Amino acid sequence: MTELDVATLQRRLAEFAAARNWQPYHTPKNLVAALSVEASELVEIFQWLTPEESARVMDDPERAPRVTDEVADVLAYLLQLCEVLGIDPLAALDAKIDRNERRFPVGEGS
């Protein structure tokens, strides 16, 4: 099995879309809408669970595969959006963590 990284996954997603001539539909607006729909489908799984049930969701043989699939769908659309907009998702997250560390220093308000 090849080692997975963001660039490899983005390339696979782009090749998948290209083989089906889906690129015209992969506009930022459409990708954000699809990302929102998939995130909502993930929320739906957890909607009526208690906090305890939600912490054990991956132990549920019916829910665990659904959670995994929806997480994959959310990530796929997010990676495609990043590709279309020219955003490096890892660099964006790293920079956001840096900003949050400055914004919310340890010991203040906790």
C-alpha atoms as a PDB file:
ATOM      1  CA  MET A   1       0.000   0.000   0.000  1.00  0.00           C
ATOM      2  CA  THR A   2       1.312   3.438  -0.881  1.00  0.00           C
ATOM      3  CA  GLU A   3       1.771   6.010   1.827  1.00  0.00           C
ATOM      4  CA  LEU A   4      -1.085   8.488   1.926  1.00  0.00           C
ATOM      5  CA  ASP A   5      -0.581  12.233   1.934  1.00  0.00           C
ATOM      6  CA  VAL A   6      -2.761  15.207   1.116  1.00  0.00           C
ATOM      7  CA  ALA A   7      -1.271  15.782  -2.336  1.00  0.00           C
ATOM      8  CA  THR A   8      -1.774  12.140  -3.330  1.00  0.00           C
ATOM      9  CA  LEU A   9      -5.387  12.186  -2.177  1.00  0.00           C
ATOM     10  CA  GLN A  10      -6.048  15.472  -3.975  1.00  0.00           C
ATOM     11  CA  ARG A  11      -4.562  14.015  -7.159  1.00  0.00           C
ATOM     12  CA  ARG A  12      -6.730  10.889  -6.866  1.00  0.00           C
ATOM     13  CA  LEU A  13      -9.834  13.020  -6.332  1.00  0.00           C
ATOM     14  CA  ALA A  14      -8.956  15.189  -9.334  1.00  0.00           C
ATOM     15  CA  GLU A  15      -8.358  12.125 -11.514  1.00  0.00           C
ATOM     16  CA  PHE A  16     -11.655  10.600 -10.360  1.00  0.00           C
ATOM     17  CA  ALA A  17     -13.543  13.790 -11.245  1.00  0.00           C
ATOM     18  CA  ALA A  18     -11.716  14.226 -14.562  1.00  0.00           C
ATOM     19  CA  ALA A  19     -12.494  10.665 -15.655  1.00  0.00           C
ATOM     20  CA  ARG A  20     -16.187  11.464 -15.206  1.00  0.00           C
ATOM     21  CA  ASN A  21     -16.017  14.988 -16.656  1.00  0.00           C
ATOM     22  CA  TRP A  22     -17.161  16.471 -13.347  1.00  0.00           C
ATOM     23  CA  GLN A  23     -14.676  19.375 -13.253  1.00  0.00           C
ATOM     24  CA  PRO A  24     -17.210  21.923 -14.612  1.00  0.00           C
ATOM     25  CA  TYR A  25     -19.359  21.208 -11.559  1.00  0.00           C
ATOM     26  CA  HIS A  26     -16.497  21.484  -9.076  1.00  0.00           C
ATOM     27  CA  THR A  27     -16.746  25.227  -8.592  1.00  0.00           C
ATOM     28  CA  PRO A  28     -15.987  26.683  -5.169  1.00  0.00           C
ATOM     29  CA  LYS A  29     -19.701  27.365  -4.629  1.00  0.00           C
ATOM     30  CA  ASN A  30     -20.727  23.816  -5.478  1.00  0.00           C
ATOM     31  CA  LEU A  31     -17.930  22.255  -3.460  1.00  0.00           C
ATOM     32  CA  VAL A  32     -18.811  24.331  -0.390  1.00  0.00           C
ATOM     33  CA  ALA A  33     -22.471  23.340  -0.762  1.00  0.00           C
ATOM     34  CA  ALA A  34     -21.528  19.658  -1.076  1.00  0.00           C
ATOM     35  CA  LEU A  35     -19.203  19.983   1.938  1.00  0.00           C
ATOM     36  CA  SER A  36     -22.069  21.436   3.971  1.00  0.00           C
ATOM     37  CA  VAL A  37     -24.414  18.627   2.942  1.00  0.00           C
ATOM     38  CA  GLU A  38     -21.880  15.954   3.887  1.00  0.00           C
ATOM     39  CA  ALA A  39     -21.136  17.661   7.217  1.00  0.00           C
ATOM     40  CA  SER A  40     -24.888  17.699   7.890  1.00  0.00           C
ATOM     41  CA  GLU A  41     -25.079  13.988   7.142  1.00  0.00           C
ATOM     42  CA  LEU A  42     -22.347  13.454   9.746  1.00  0.00           C
ATOM     43  CA  VAL A  43     -24.257  15.609  12.248  1.00  0.00           C
ATOM     44  CA  GLU A  44     -27.390  13.560  11.579  1.00  0.00           C
ATOM     45  CA  ILE A  45     -25.708  10.409  12.863  1.00  0.00           C
ATOM     46  CA  PHE A  46     -24.949  12.103  16.197  1.00  0.00           C
ATOM     47  CA  GLN A  47     -28.077  14.245  16.440  1.00  0.00           C
ATOM     48  CA  TRP A  48     -30.017  12.371  19.116  1.00  0.00           C
ATOM     49  CA  LEU A  49     -27.183  10.509  20.809  1.00  0.00           C
ATOM     50  CA  THR A  50     -26.342  11.222  24.416  1.00  0.00           C
ATOM     51  CA  PRO A  51     -22.798  12.458  25.097  1.00  0.00           C
ATOM     52  CA  GLU A  52     -21.948   8.955  26.313  1.00  0.00           C
ATOM     53  CA  GLU A  53     -23.405   7.295  23.194  1.00  0.00           C
ATOM     54  CA  SER A  54     -21.548   9.726  20.948  1.00  0.00           C
ATOM     55  CA  ALA A  55     -18.252   8.868  22.666  1.00  0.00           C
ATOM     56  CA  ARG A  56     -18.851   5.182  21.852  1.00  0.00           C
ATOM     57  CA  VAL A  57     -20.217   5.647  18.321  1.00  0.00           C
ATOM     58  CA  MET A  58     -17.317   3.764  16.723  1.00  0.00           C
ATOM     59  CA  ASP A  59     -18.200   0.705  18.830  1.00  0.00           C
ATOM     60  CA  ASP A  60     -21.624   0.541  17.144  1.00  0.00           C
ATOM     61  CA  PRO A  61     -21.381  -1.846  14.150  1.00  0.00           C
ATOM     62  CA  GLU A  62     -24.186  -0.027  12.320  1.00  0.00           C
ATOM     63  CA  ARG A  63     -23.084   3.549  12.966  1.00  0.00           C
ATOM     64  CA  ALA A  64     -19.293   3.191  12.743  1.00  0.00           C
ATOM     65  CA  PRO A  65     -19.168   2.579   8.968  1.00  0.00           C
ATOM     66  CA  ARG A  66     -21.581   5.463   8.382  1.00  0.00           C
ATOM     67  CA  VAL A  67     -19.419   7.801  10.481  1.00  0.00           C
ATOM     68  CA  THR A  68     -16.305   6.710   8.594  1.00  0.00           C
ATOM     69  CA  ASP A  69     -17.979   7.236   5.208  1.00  0.00           C
ATOM     70  CA  GLU A  70     -19.298  10.678   6.120  1.00  0.00           C
ATOM     71  CA  VAL A  71     -15.916  11.757   7.511  1.00  0.00           C
ATOM     72  CA  ALA A  72     -14.382  10.630   4.211  1.00  0.00           C
ATOM     73  CA  ASP A  73     -16.995  12.572   2.226  1.00  0.00           C
ATOM     74  CA  VAL A  74     -16.391  15.737   4.271  1.00  0.00           C
ATOM     75  CA  LEU A  75     -12.630  15.421   3.837  1.00  0.00           C
ATOM     76  CA  ALA A  76     -12.950  14.703   0.105  1.00  0.00           C
ATOM     77  CA  TYR A  77     -14.969  17.845  -0.551  1.00  0.00           C
ATOM     78  CA  LEU A  78     -12.710  19.932   1.684  1.00  0.00           C
ATOM     79  CA  LEU A  79      -9.600  18.706  -0.138  1.00  0.00           C
ATOM     80  CA  GLN A  80     -11.219  19.368  -3.512  1.00  0.00           C
ATOM     81  CA  LEU A  81     -12.190  22.877  -2.403  1.00  0.00           C
ATOM     82  CA  CYS A  82      -8.618  23.535  -1.260  1.00  0.00           C
ATOM     83  CA  GLU A  83      -7.299  22.298  -4.597  1.00  0.00           C
ATOM     84  CA  VAL A  84      -9.656  24.538  -6.597  1.00  0.00           C
ATOM     85  CA  LEU A  85      -8.856  27.593  -4.449  1.00  0.00           C
ATOM     86  CA  GLY A  86      -5.107  26.934  -4.228  1.00  0.00           C
ATOM     87  CA  ILE A  87      -5.115  26.516  -0.445  1.00  0.00           C
ATOM     88  CA  ASP A  88      -2.584  24.237   1.212  1.00  0.00           C
ATOM     89  CA  PRO A  89      -4.842  22.706   3.890  1.00  0.00           C
ATOM     90  CA  LEU A  90      -1.982  21.668   6.184  1.00  0.00           C
ATOM     91  CA  ALA A  91      -0.336  25.097   6.018  1.00  0.00           C
ATOM     92  CA  ALA A  92      -3.725  26.751   6.591  1.00  0.00           C
ATOM     93  CA  LEU A  93      -4.352  24.619   9.669  1.00  0.00           C
ATOM     94  CA  ASP A  94      -0.855  25.204  11.000  1.00  0.00           C
ATOM     95  CA  ALA A  95      -1.276  28.983  10.625  1.00  0.00           C
ATOM     96  CA  LYS A  96      -4.714  28.851  12.265  1.00  0.00           C
ATOM     97  CA  ILE A  97      -3.333  26.945  15.275  1.00  0.00           C
ATOM     98  CA  ASP A  98      -0.601  29.626  15.577  1.00  0.00           C
ATOM     99  CA  ARG A  99      -3.251  32.387  15.537  1.00  0.00           C
ATOM    100  CA  ASN A 100      -5.383  30.543  18.091  1.00  0.00           C
ATOM    101  CA  GLU A 101      -2.400  30.074  20.395  1.00  0.00           C
ATOM    102  CA  ARG A 102      -1.844  33.827  20.350  1.00  0.00           C
ATOM    103  CA  ARG A 103      -5.562  34.594  20.643  1.00  0.00           C
ATOM    104  CA  PHE A 104      -6.184  32.154  23.495  1.00  0.00           C
ATOM    105  CA  PRO A 105      -3.037  32.039  25.636  1.00  0.00           C
ATOM    106  CA  VAL A 106      -2.774  29.276  28.218  1.00  0.00           C
ATOM    107  CA  GLY A 107      -4.155  30.322  31.593  1.00  0.00           C
ATOM    108  CA  GLU A 108      -6.348  33.155  30.313  1.00  0.00           C
ATOM    109  CA  GLY A 109     -10.060  32.509  30.621  1.00  0.00           C
ATOM    110  CA  SER A 110      -9.708  28.792  31.272  1.00  0.00           C
END
